[in-house]
């Protein structure tokens, strides 16, 4: 029976995009609404600002993630195409190169050559992609997945401070947005750390600290430069 193992690094592709999207959704929307509320804007203006921030932010996250990860995917594909060409035109040189990779990792030279021969015969391109270029299947760039994960989680994160505006009286609005958003951020930081196998307290504190700074500075800016509307 094959020994089954669970590795958290397999989640890194979607986890990074999801955490970034949710974190940005909470912080940017809460900060935006706190800044507007601090400028003495009315409740309807704060709510409209939050809705606009949700839509614009989700679309921006999707576009940004897609372009960024698409660029990574294009680079990986270009390297694979180059490697495919070299394997066809210089098979011996590529075999020596693969052998040297295993030697530098501590394998005896003769055994390294035997391993390189067997892996090349099995799947030369996949072997060079993994051992020479560092491209492995579960870490490969997936632009559409990253874009959808970022947009969806941004929208979910942005809904949290928006719901506060709907249910909390206007006089408590700024404090309520800050408290609820920071609570959500610490939960998100702890959850991301748990999925990634890191310390949950450190993850929660890290996300909460940066969220506090972002919302605090935006609130101060709104108070200093705001006007009655």
Protein backbone atom coordinates (compact mmCIF):
# COMPACT_ATOMS: atom_id res chain seq x y z
CA UNK A 1 0.00 0.00 0.00
CA UNK A 2 1.26 3.45 -0.87
CA UNK A 3 1.85 5.68 2.13
CA UNK A 4 -0.52 8.65 1.90
CA UNK A 5 0.71 12.04 3.05
CA UNK A 6 -1.00 15.42 3.34
CA UNK A 7 1.11 18.48 2.55
CA UNK A 8 -0.20 21.98 3.15
CA UNK A 9 1.90 23.44 0.35
CA UNK A 10 -0.66 21.94 -2.05
CA UNK A 11 -3.07 24.68 -0.95
CA UNK A 12 -0.69 27.57 -1.60
CA UNK A 13 -2.11 28.49 -5.01
CA UNK A 14 -5.71 29.17 -4.00
CA UNK A 15 -4.92 30.04 -0.37
CA UNK A 16 -2.74 33.03 -1.24
CA UNK A 17 -5.31 34.49 -3.62
CA UNK A 18 -8.23 33.81 -1.25
CA UNK A 19 -6.57 35.28 1.82
CA UNK A 20 -5.35 38.31 -0.12
CA UNK A 21 -8.82 38.90 -1.56
CA UNK A 22 -10.70 38.58 1.74
CA UNK A 23 -8.13 40.61 3.64
CA UNK A 24 -8.20 43.38 1.05
CA UNK A 25 -12.00 43.29 0.89
CA UNK A 26 -12.36 43.83 4.62
CA UNK A 27 -9.60 46.41 5.04
CA UNK A 28 -10.18 48.52 1.95
CA UNK A 29 -13.97 48.63 2.25
CA UNK A 30 -13.96 49.25 6.01
CA UNK A 31 -11.24 51.91 5.66
CA UNK A 32 -13.09 53.59 2.80
CA UNK A 33 -16.36 53.74 4.72
CA UNK A 34 -14.66 54.89 7.92
CA UNK A 35 -12.95 57.68 6.02
CA UNK A 36 -16.25 58.81 4.50
CA UNK A 37 -18.08 58.49 7.83
CA UNK A 38 -15.33 60.49 9.57
CA UNK A 39 -15.90 63.26 7.02
CA UNK A 40 -19.45 63.61 8.42
CA UNK A 41 -21.10 62.01 5.38
CA UNK A 42 -24.62 60.67 5.69
CA UNK A 43 -25.48 57.00 6.14
CA UNK A 44 -26.65 56.60 2.55
CA UNK A 45 -23.39 58.06 1.27
CA UNK A 46 -21.34 55.69 3.43
CA UNK A 47 -23.37 52.72 2.20
CA UNK A 48 -23.11 53.77 -1.44
CA UNK A 49 -19.36 54.25 -1.03
CA UNK A 50 -19.04 50.77 0.42
CA UNK A 51 -21.04 49.20 -2.41
CA UNK A 52 -18.95 51.00 -5.01
CA UNK A 53 -15.81 49.85 -3.22
CA UNK A 54 -17.03 46.24 -3.23
CA UNK A 55 -17.78 46.16 -6.96
CA UNK A 56 -14.70 48.11 -8.03
CA UNK A 57 -12.43 46.21 -5.65
CA UNK A 58 -13.64 42.75 -6.69
CA UNK A 59 -13.19 43.55 -10.38
CA UNK A 60 -9.82 45.14 -9.74
CA UNK A 61 -8.63 42.12 -7.73
CA UNK A 62 -9.79 39.74 -10.46
CA UNK A 63 -8.07 41.72 -13.19
CA UNK A 64 -4.89 42.23 -11.18
CA UNK A 65 -4.61 38.59 -10.16
CA UNK A 66 -5.31 37.35 -13.68
CA UNK A 67 -2.72 39.62 -15.29
CA UNK A 68 -0.12 38.85 -12.63
CA UNK A 69 -0.59 35.07 -12.62
CA UNK A 70 -1.00 35.01 -16.43
CA UNK A 71 2.44 36.63 -16.70
CA UNK A 72 3.84 33.91 -14.45
CA UNK A 73 2.15 31.23 -16.55
CA UNK A 74 3.52 32.76 -19.77
CA UNK A 75 7.03 32.69 -18.31
CA UNK A 76 6.65 29.06 -17.27
CA UNK A 77 5.34 28.11 -20.72
CA UNK A 78 8.21 29.91 -22.42
CA UNK A 79 10.74 28.07 -20.26
CA UNK A 80 9.04 24.73 -20.96
CA UNK A 81 9.07 25.43 -24.70
CA UNK A 82 12.78 26.25 -24.53
CA UNK A 83 13.43 23.10 -22.53
CA UNK A 84 11.46 20.99 -25.03
CA UNK A 85 13.55 22.38 -27.88
CA UNK A 86 16.82 21.72 -26.04
CA UNK A 87 15.78 18.16 -25.25
CA UNK A 88 15.17 17.57 -28.95
CA UNK A 89 18.35 19.24 -30.21
CA UNK A 90 20.83 18.54 -27.36
CA UNK A 91 19.70 15.40 -25.53
CA UNK A 92 23.20 14.47 -24.27
CA UNK A 93 23.85 17.96 -22.90
CA UNK A 94 20.50 17.90 -21.14
CA UNK A 95 21.26 14.47 -19.70
CA UNK A 96 24.60 15.73 -18.34
CA UNK A 97 22.87 18.77 -16.92
CA UNK A 98 20.32 16.60 -15.13
CA UNK A 99 23.06 14.33 -13.83
CA UNK A 100 24.93 17.30 -12.37
CA UNK A 101 21.76 18.50 -10.64
CA UNK A 102 21.50 15.19 -8.79
CA UNK A 103 25.21 15.17 -8.01
CA UNK A 104 24.98 18.61 -6.39
CA UNK A 105 22.12 17.24 -4.28
CA UNK A 106 24.40 14.55 -2.87
CA UNK A 107 23.84 11.59 -5.19
CA UNK A 108 26.85 9.53 -6.32
CA UNK A 109 27.75 10.45 -9.90
CA UNK A 110 27.19 6.98 -11.37
CA UNK A 111 23.88 6.60 -9.59
CA UNK A 112 22.96 10.17 -10.58
CA UNK A 113 23.48 9.29 -14.24
CA UNK A 114 21.37 6.14 -13.90
CA UNK A 115 18.56 8.13 -12.27
CA UNK A 116 18.81 10.80 -14.97
CA UNK A 117 18.63 8.14 -17.69
CA UNK A 118 15.60 6.43 -16.20
CA UNK A 119 13.68 9.65 -15.53
CA UNK A 120 14.51 10.97 -18.99
CA UNK A 121 13.20 7.78 -20.55
CA UNK A 122 10.02 8.06 -18.47
CA UNK A 123 9.21 11.77 -19.05
CA UNK A 124 12.12 14.00 -19.94
CA UNK A 125 10.23 17.30 -20.03
CA UNK A 126 8.43 16.76 -16.72
CA UNK A 127 11.72 15.78 -15.09
CA UNK A 128 13.55 18.88 -16.29
CA UNK A 129 10.57 21.08 -15.43
CA UNK A 130 10.62 19.78 -11.88
CA UNK A 131 14.33 19.38 -11.17
CA UNK A 132 15.87 22.07 -13.36
CA UNK A 133 13.19 24.78 -13.52
CA UNK A 134 11.41 24.12 -10.25
CA UNK A 135 7.98 23.88 -11.90
CA UNK A 136 5.72 21.34 -10.20
CA UNK A 137 2.08 20.66 -10.95
CA UNK A 138 0.44 21.93 -7.76
CA UNK A 139 2.52 25.14 -7.80
CA UNK A 140 1.93 25.99 -11.45
CA UNK A 141 0.26 29.31 -12.20
CA UNK A 142 -3.51 29.12 -12.71
CA UNK A 143 -4.69 32.60 -13.75
CA UNK A 144 -8.45 31.95 -13.90
CA UNK A 145 -8.50 30.16 -10.55
CA UNK A 146 -6.53 32.98 -8.91
CA UNK A 147 -8.75 35.68 -10.44
CA UNK A 148 -12.02 34.01 -9.38
CA UNK A 149 -10.74 33.24 -5.88
CA UNK A 150 -9.57 36.82 -5.34
CA UNK A 151 -12.77 38.42 -6.67
CA UNK A 152 -15.09 36.12 -4.72
CA UNK A 153 -13.25 36.41 -1.42
CA UNK A 154 -12.88 40.18 -1.82
CA UNK A 155 -16.65 40.48 -2.21
CA UNK A 156 -17.26 38.28 0.84
CA UNK A 157 -14.79 40.30 2.89
CA UNK A 158 -16.29 43.61 1.76
CA UNK A 159 -19.79 42.47 2.76
CA UNK A 160 -18.76 42.33 6.41
CA UNK A 161 -18.36 46.11 7.00
CA UNK A 162 -21.27 46.76 4.62
CA UNK A 163 -23.61 44.70 6.81
CA UNK A 164 -22.52 46.76 9.79
CA UNK A 165 -23.78 49.91 8.06
CA UNK A 166 -27.16 48.27 7.52
CA UNK A 167 -27.76 47.08 11.09
CA UNK A 168 -25.91 49.55 13.36
CA UNK A 169 -27.26 53.02 14.29
CA UNK A 170 -25.40 55.89 12.64
CA UNK A 171 -23.94 57.31 15.86
CA UNK A 172 -22.09 54.04 16.54
CA UNK A 173 -21.11 53.45 12.93
CA UNK A 174 -17.37 54.21 12.95
CA UNK A 175 -16.68 52.23 16.12
CA UNK A 176 -18.84 49.31 14.95
CA UNK A 177 -17.13 49.11 11.55
CA UNK A 178 -13.72 49.11 13.22
CA UNK A 179 -14.55 46.48 15.86
CA UNK A 180 -16.38 44.09 13.55
CA UNK A 181 -13.80 44.42 10.77
CA UNK A 182 -10.88 43.84 13.12
CA UNK A 183 -12.63 40.81 14.59
CA UNK A 184 -13.15 39.43 11.07
CA UNK A 185 -9.52 40.14 10.17
CA UNK A 186 -8.17 38.30 13.20
CA UNK A 187 -10.39 35.31 12.41
CA UNK A 188 -9.16 35.37 8.81
CA UNK A 189 -5.53 35.57 9.92
CA UNK A 190 -6.00 32.67 12.31
CA UNK A 191 -7.82 30.57 9.72
CA UNK A 192 -5.17 31.20 7.06
CA UNK A 193 -2.43 30.29 9.52
CA UNK A 194 -4.24 27.08 10.48
CA UNK A 195 -4.68 26.00 6.86
CA UNK A 196 -1.04 26.84 6.17
CA UNK A 197 0.19 25.04 9.30
CA UNK A 198 1.54 28.21 10.95
CA UNK A 199 0.95 29.68 14.40
CA UNK A 200 -2.68 30.86 14.56
CA UNK A 201 -2.11 33.55 17.17
CA UNK A 202 0.74 35.09 15.22
CA UNK A 203 -1.29 35.00 12.00
CA UNK A 204 -4.29 36.63 13.68
CA UNK A 205 -2.18 39.35 15.33
CA UNK A 206 -0.29 40.12 12.14
CA UNK A 207 -3.43 40.63 10.07
CA UNK A 208 -5.19 42.50 12.86
CA UNK A 209 -2.26 44.88 13.38
CA UNK A 210 -2.04 45.91 9.72
CA UNK A 211 -5.81 46.22 9.52
CA UNK A 212 -5.80 48.55 12.53
CA UNK A 213 -3.12 50.73 10.95
CA UNK A 214 -4.93 50.94 7.61
CA UNK A 215 -8.33 51.77 9.06
CA UNK A 216 -6.90 54.17 11.61
CA UNK A 217 -4.96 56.20 9.07
CA UNK A 218 -7.91 56.34 6.68
CA UNK A 219 -10.22 57.47 9.47
CA UNK A 220 -7.78 60.23 10.45
CA UNK A 221 -7.50 61.35 6.84
CA UNK A 222 -11.29 61.54 6.51
CA UNK A 223 -11.56 63.52 9.74
CA UNK A 224 -8.83 65.98 8.75
CA UNK A 225 -9.93 66.62 5.19
CA UNK A 226 -13.67 65.93 5.38
CA UNK A 227 -16.43 68.46 5.02
CA UNK A 228 -20.07 68.34 6.01
CA UNK A 229 -22.25 66.97 3.19
